[in-house]
N, C-alpha and C. Protein backbone atom coordinates (compact mmCIF):
# COMPACT_ATOMS: atom_id res chain seq x y z
N MET A 1 0.85 -1.16 0.00
CA MET A 1 0.00 0.00 0.00
C MET A 1 0.91 1.24 0.00
N SER A 2 0.76 2.11 -0.98
CA SER A 2 1.61 3.29 -1.08
C SER A 2 0.94 4.48 -0.40
N ALA A 3 1.75 5.38 0.06
CA ALA A 3 1.22 6.59 0.71
C ALA A 3 0.63 7.49 -0.37
N SER A 4 -0.45 8.19 -0.01
CA SER A 4 -1.07 9.06 -0.99
C SER A 4 -0.18 10.29 -1.20
N ARG A 5 -0.20 10.80 -2.39
CA ARG A 5 0.63 11.92 -2.76
C ARG A 5 -0.01 13.23 -2.29
N ARG A 6 0.78 14.06 -1.64
CA ARG A 6 0.25 15.35 -1.16
C ARG A 6 0.12 16.31 -2.33
N ARG A 7 -0.92 17.11 -2.28
CA ARG A 7 -1.15 18.13 -3.31
C ARG A 7 -1.10 19.49 -2.64
N PHE A 8 -0.53 20.45 -3.35
CA PHE A 8 -0.40 21.79 -2.81
C PHE A 8 -1.03 22.79 -3.77
N THR A 9 -1.67 23.79 -3.20
CA THR A 9 -2.27 24.83 -4.03
C THR A 9 -1.17 25.72 -4.60
N THR A 10 -1.51 26.41 -5.65
CA THR A 10 -0.55 27.34 -6.26
C THR A 10 -0.16 28.41 -5.26
N GLU A 11 -1.12 28.89 -4.49
CA GLU A 11 -0.82 29.92 -3.49
C GLU A 11 0.19 29.40 -2.46
N TYR A 12 0.04 28.17 -2.02
CA TYR A 12 0.98 27.60 -1.06
C TYR A 12 2.38 27.52 -1.66
N LYS A 13 2.47 27.08 -2.91
CA LYS A 13 3.76 26.96 -3.58
C LYS A 13 4.45 28.31 -3.69
N VAL A 14 3.68 29.34 -4.04
CA VAL A 14 4.24 30.68 -4.18
C VAL A 14 4.71 31.20 -2.82
N GLU A 15 3.90 31.00 -1.79
CA GLU A 15 4.28 31.45 -0.45
C GLU A 15 5.53 30.71 0.04
N ALA A 16 5.60 29.43 -0.20
CA ALA A 16 6.78 28.66 0.20
C ALA A 16 8.02 29.14 -0.55
N ALA A 17 7.87 29.40 -1.84
CA ALA A 17 9.00 29.89 -2.64
C ALA A 17 9.46 31.25 -2.12
N HIS A 18 8.53 32.09 -1.74
CA HIS A 18 8.91 33.42 -1.25
C HIS A 18 9.55 33.37 0.13
N ARG A 19 9.34 32.31 0.88
CA ARG A 19 10.08 32.16 2.14
C ARG A 19 11.57 32.04 1.85
N VAL A 20 11.90 31.44 0.73
CA VAL A 20 13.31 31.32 0.32
C VAL A 20 13.77 32.62 -0.33
N ILE A 21 13.01 33.11 -1.29
CA ILE A 21 13.42 34.28 -2.07
C ILE A 21 13.54 35.53 -1.21
N ASP A 22 12.53 35.81 -0.40
CA ASP A 22 12.50 37.05 0.39
C ASP A 22 13.44 37.03 1.58
N SER A 23 13.67 35.86 2.15
CA SER A 23 14.47 35.80 3.38
C SER A 23 15.94 35.52 3.10
N GLY A 24 16.24 35.00 1.93
CA GLY A 24 17.63 34.65 1.63
C GLY A 24 18.07 33.35 2.29
N ARG A 25 17.13 32.64 2.91
CA ARG A 25 17.46 31.36 3.54
C ARG A 25 17.61 30.29 2.48
N SER A 26 18.23 29.20 2.84
CA SER A 26 18.46 28.12 1.86
C SER A 26 17.19 27.32 1.63
N ILE A 27 17.14 26.70 0.47
CA ILE A 27 16.01 25.83 0.12
C ILE A 27 15.92 24.68 1.12
N ALA A 28 17.07 24.12 1.47
CA ALA A 28 17.09 22.99 2.40
C ALA A 28 16.50 23.37 3.75
N GLU A 29 16.86 24.56 4.25
CA GLU A 29 16.37 25.01 5.56
C GLU A 29 14.85 25.20 5.54
N VAL A 30 14.35 25.86 4.51
CA VAL A 30 12.91 26.11 4.42
C VAL A 30 12.16 24.80 4.18
N ALA A 31 12.74 23.92 3.37
CA ALA A 31 12.10 22.62 3.10
C ALA A 31 11.93 21.82 4.40
N ARG A 32 12.95 21.82 5.24
CA ARG A 32 12.85 21.13 6.54
C ARG A 32 11.76 21.77 7.40
N GLU A 33 11.74 23.10 7.42
CA GLU A 33 10.75 23.82 8.22
C GLU A 33 9.32 23.49 7.79
N LEU A 34 9.11 23.36 6.47
CA LEU A 34 7.76 23.11 5.95
C LEU A 34 7.48 21.62 5.71
N ASN A 35 8.45 20.77 6.04
CA ASN A 35 8.32 19.33 5.85
C ASN A 35 8.05 18.99 4.38
N LEU A 36 8.91 19.54 3.51
CA LEU A 36 8.81 19.32 2.07
C LEU A 36 10.09 18.69 1.56
N HIS A 37 10.01 18.10 0.38
CA HIS A 37 11.21 17.63 -0.29
C HIS A 37 11.94 18.83 -0.86
N GLU A 38 13.26 18.83 -0.74
CA GLU A 38 14.05 19.94 -1.25
C GLU A 38 13.86 20.13 -2.75
N VAL A 39 13.74 19.03 -3.48
CA VAL A 39 13.60 19.11 -4.94
C VAL A 39 12.29 19.82 -5.30
N SER A 40 11.23 19.48 -4.61
CA SER A 40 9.93 20.13 -4.89
C SER A 40 10.02 21.62 -4.63
N LEU A 41 10.52 21.99 -3.45
CA LEU A 41 10.64 23.40 -3.12
C LEU A 41 11.58 24.10 -4.08
N GLY A 42 12.65 23.45 -4.45
CA GLY A 42 13.58 24.03 -5.42
C GLY A 42 12.91 24.33 -6.74
N ASN A 43 12.06 23.42 -7.19
CA ASN A 43 11.32 23.64 -8.43
C ASN A 43 10.38 24.84 -8.30
N TRP A 44 9.71 24.95 -7.15
CA TRP A 44 8.78 26.06 -6.93
C TRP A 44 9.53 27.39 -6.90
N VAL A 45 10.71 27.39 -6.27
CA VAL A 45 11.53 28.61 -6.21
C VAL A 45 11.98 29.00 -7.61
N ARG A 46 12.44 28.04 -8.37
CA ARG A 46 12.89 28.30 -9.74
C ARG A 46 11.74 28.87 -10.57
N ASP A 47 10.57 28.24 -10.47
CA ASP A 47 9.41 28.71 -11.22
C ASP A 47 9.00 30.13 -10.81
N GLU A 48 9.04 30.40 -9.52
CA GLU A 48 8.64 31.73 -9.03
C GLU A 48 9.66 32.78 -9.47
N ARG A 49 10.93 32.46 -9.43
CA ARG A 49 11.95 33.41 -9.89
C ARG A 49 11.78 33.70 -11.38
N ARG A 50 11.46 32.69 -12.17
CA ARG A 50 11.20 32.90 -13.59
C ARG A 50 9.98 33.79 -13.80
N ARG A 51 8.95 33.56 -13.00
CA ARG A 51 7.73 34.37 -13.12
C ARG A 51 8.02 35.82 -12.75
N ILE A 52 8.82 36.02 -11.70
CA ILE A 52 9.18 37.37 -11.27
C ILE A 52 9.94 38.08 -12.39
N GLU A 53 10.91 37.39 -12.98
CA GLU A 53 11.69 37.99 -14.07
C GLU A 53 10.82 38.31 -15.27
N ALA A 54 9.88 37.44 -15.58
CA ALA A 54 9.01 37.64 -16.75
C ALA A 54 8.08 38.83 -16.56
N THR A 55 7.72 39.12 -15.33
CA THR A 55 6.76 40.20 -15.09
C THR A 55 7.42 41.50 -14.65
N ARG A 56 8.74 41.50 -14.50
CA ARG A 56 9.44 42.70 -14.04
C ARG A 56 9.23 43.84 -15.03
N GLY A 57 8.85 45.01 -14.51
CA GLY A 57 8.65 46.18 -15.34
C GLY A 57 7.27 46.27 -15.98
N THR A 58 6.39 45.35 -15.66
CA THR A 58 5.02 45.40 -16.19
C THR A 58 4.07 45.67 -15.04
N GLU A 59 2.80 45.89 -15.36
CA GLU A 59 1.83 46.10 -14.28
C GLU A 59 1.57 44.82 -13.51
N LEU A 60 2.05 43.70 -14.00
CA LEU A 60 1.86 42.41 -13.32
C LEU A 60 3.01 42.07 -12.37
N GLU A 61 3.88 43.05 -12.11
CA GLU A 61 5.04 42.81 -11.26
C GLU A 61 4.58 42.29 -9.89
N PRO A 62 5.22 41.22 -9.39
CA PRO A 62 4.78 40.60 -8.13
C PRO A 62 5.06 41.52 -6.94
N LEU A 63 4.44 41.17 -5.82
CA LEU A 63 4.57 41.94 -4.60
C LEU A 63 5.97 41.80 -4.02
N SER A 64 6.43 42.86 -3.36
CA SER A 64 7.70 42.78 -2.64
C SER A 64 7.48 42.00 -1.35
N GLY A 65 8.55 41.71 -0.66
CA GLY A 65 8.43 40.97 0.60
C GLY A 65 7.59 41.73 1.63
N ALA A 66 7.79 43.05 1.72
CA ALA A 66 7.02 43.85 2.66
C ALA A 66 5.55 43.89 2.26
N GLU A 67 5.28 44.03 0.96
CA GLU A 67 3.90 44.05 0.50
C GLU A 67 3.22 42.71 0.75
N ARG A 68 3.96 41.63 0.54
CA ARG A 68 3.42 40.29 0.77
C ARG A 68 3.10 40.10 2.25
N SER A 69 3.98 40.56 3.14
CA SER A 69 3.74 40.45 4.58
C SER A 69 2.51 41.26 4.97
N GLU A 70 2.40 42.47 4.40
CA GLU A 70 1.24 43.31 4.70
C GLU A 70 -0.04 42.65 4.21
N LEU A 71 0.01 42.07 3.02
CA LEU A 71 -1.17 41.39 2.48
C LEU A 71 -1.61 40.24 3.39
N LEU A 72 -0.66 39.44 3.85
CA LEU A 72 -1.00 38.33 4.75
C LEU A 72 -1.59 38.84 6.06
N ALA A 73 -1.02 39.92 6.60
CA ALA A 73 -1.55 40.48 7.84
C ALA A 73 -2.97 41.02 7.62
N LEU A 74 -3.20 41.67 6.49
CA LEU A 74 -4.53 42.20 6.20
C LEU A 74 -5.54 41.09 5.98
N ARG A 75 -5.13 40.00 5.35
CA ARG A 75 -6.04 38.87 5.16
C ARG A 75 -6.44 38.29 6.51
N LYS A 76 -5.47 38.19 7.43
CA LYS A 76 -5.78 37.67 8.77
C LYS A 76 -6.74 38.62 9.49
N GLN A 77 -6.49 39.92 9.36
CA GLN A 77 -7.36 40.91 10.00
C GLN A 77 -8.78 40.81 9.45
N VAL A 78 -8.92 40.66 8.15
CA VAL A 78 -10.25 40.53 7.55
C VAL A 78 -10.94 39.27 8.06
N ALA A 79 -10.21 38.16 8.14
CA ALA A 79 -10.81 36.91 8.64
C ALA A 79 -11.28 37.08 10.08
N ASP A 80 -10.47 37.76 10.91
CA ASP A 80 -10.87 37.99 12.31
C ASP A 80 -12.11 38.88 12.38
N GLN A 81 -12.15 39.91 11.54
CA GLN A 81 -13.31 40.80 11.55
C GLN A 81 -14.56 40.10 11.05
N GLU A 82 -14.41 39.19 10.08
CA GLU A 82 -15.57 38.43 9.61
C GLU A 82 -16.12 37.54 10.72
N LYS A 83 -15.23 36.95 11.53
CA LYS A 83 -15.68 36.15 12.67
C LYS A 83 -16.42 37.02 13.67
N ASP A 84 -15.88 38.21 13.93
CA ASP A 84 -16.54 39.14 14.87
C ASP A 84 -17.92 39.53 14.37
N LEU A 85 -18.03 39.84 13.08
CA LEU A 85 -19.32 40.22 12.51
C LEU A 85 -20.33 39.08 12.58
N LEU A 86 -19.87 37.86 12.34
CA LEU A 86 -20.74 36.70 12.43
C LEU A 86 -21.27 36.55 13.85
N PHE A 87 -20.39 36.69 14.84
CA PHE A 87 -20.79 36.61 16.24
C PHE A 87 -21.79 37.72 16.58
N LEU A 88 -21.48 38.94 16.16
CA LEU A 88 -22.38 40.06 16.47
C LEU A 88 -23.74 39.89 15.81
N GLY A 89 -23.76 39.33 14.61
CA GLY A 89 -25.03 39.06 13.94
C GLY A 89 -25.86 38.05 14.71
N LYS A 90 -25.21 37.01 15.21
CA LYS A 90 -25.91 36.00 16.00
C LYS A 90 -26.41 36.59 17.31
N ALA A 91 -25.59 37.43 17.94
CA ALA A 91 -26.00 38.07 19.20
C ALA A 91 -27.20 38.99 18.96
N ALA A 92 -27.15 39.76 17.88
CA ALA A 92 -28.26 40.66 17.56
C ALA A 92 -29.54 39.87 17.30
N ALA A 93 -29.43 38.75 16.60
CA ALA A 93 -30.60 37.92 16.32
C ALA A 93 -31.15 37.34 17.61
N TYR A 94 -30.29 36.92 18.51
CA TYR A 94 -30.73 36.37 19.80
C TYR A 94 -31.51 37.42 20.59
N PHE A 95 -30.92 38.62 20.71
CA PHE A 95 -31.57 39.65 21.50
C PHE A 95 -32.83 40.17 20.83
N ALA A 96 -32.90 40.12 19.51
CA ALA A 96 -34.12 40.53 18.82
C ALA A 96 -35.23 39.51 19.07
N ALA A 97 -34.87 38.24 19.15
CA ALA A 97 -35.86 37.18 19.37
C ALA A 97 -36.27 37.09 20.84
N ASN A 98 -35.40 37.51 21.73
CA ASN A 98 -35.65 37.42 23.17
C ASN A 98 -35.48 38.81 23.80
N PRO A 99 -36.44 39.69 23.61
CA PRO A 99 -36.30 41.04 24.17
C PRO A 99 -36.27 41.00 25.70
N ALA A 100 -35.53 41.92 26.26
CA ALA A 100 -35.43 41.99 27.72
C ALA A 100 -36.77 42.42 28.29
N LYS A 101 -37.13 41.84 29.41
CA LYS A 101 -38.40 42.20 30.07
C LYS A 101 -38.20 43.51 30.80
N ARG A 102 -39.16 44.42 30.65
CA ARG A 102 -39.05 45.71 31.30
C ARG A 102 -39.64 45.66 32.71
N ASN A 103 -39.02 46.36 33.58
CA ASN A 103 -39.52 46.50 34.94
C ASN A 103 -40.10 47.89 35.03
N ASP A 104 -41.47 48.00 35.00
CA ASP A 104 -42.15 49.28 34.95
C ASP A 104 -42.43 49.85 36.34
N SER A 105 -41.76 49.42 37.35
CA SER A 105 -42.01 49.91 38.71
C SER A 105 -41.03 51.04 39.02
N ARG A 106 -41.28 52.19 38.45
CA ARG A 106 -40.40 53.35 38.64
C ARG A 106 -40.77 54.11 39.83
């Protein structure tokens, strides 16, 4: 019985490649950190570097390391705010369905 082959999204491959490209760390070091084969990560890094070169100077130029970090932080912030809004919506629905009883003994 063989182990099933792991599949990675394009976004994951690009992010993993940028861990090498943006940080200057070795492919081997990042591959160990992400539990990947060095050859796979090396291919992703090569492909991403080619894509960066192909788009340099065009409107399709990829994000810098700082822009990529900011984008990831903003995505996390949006996800957190969506969770908060979902909770607040549920709370509002609860209180709308169960209005507080008034005490008219003033």
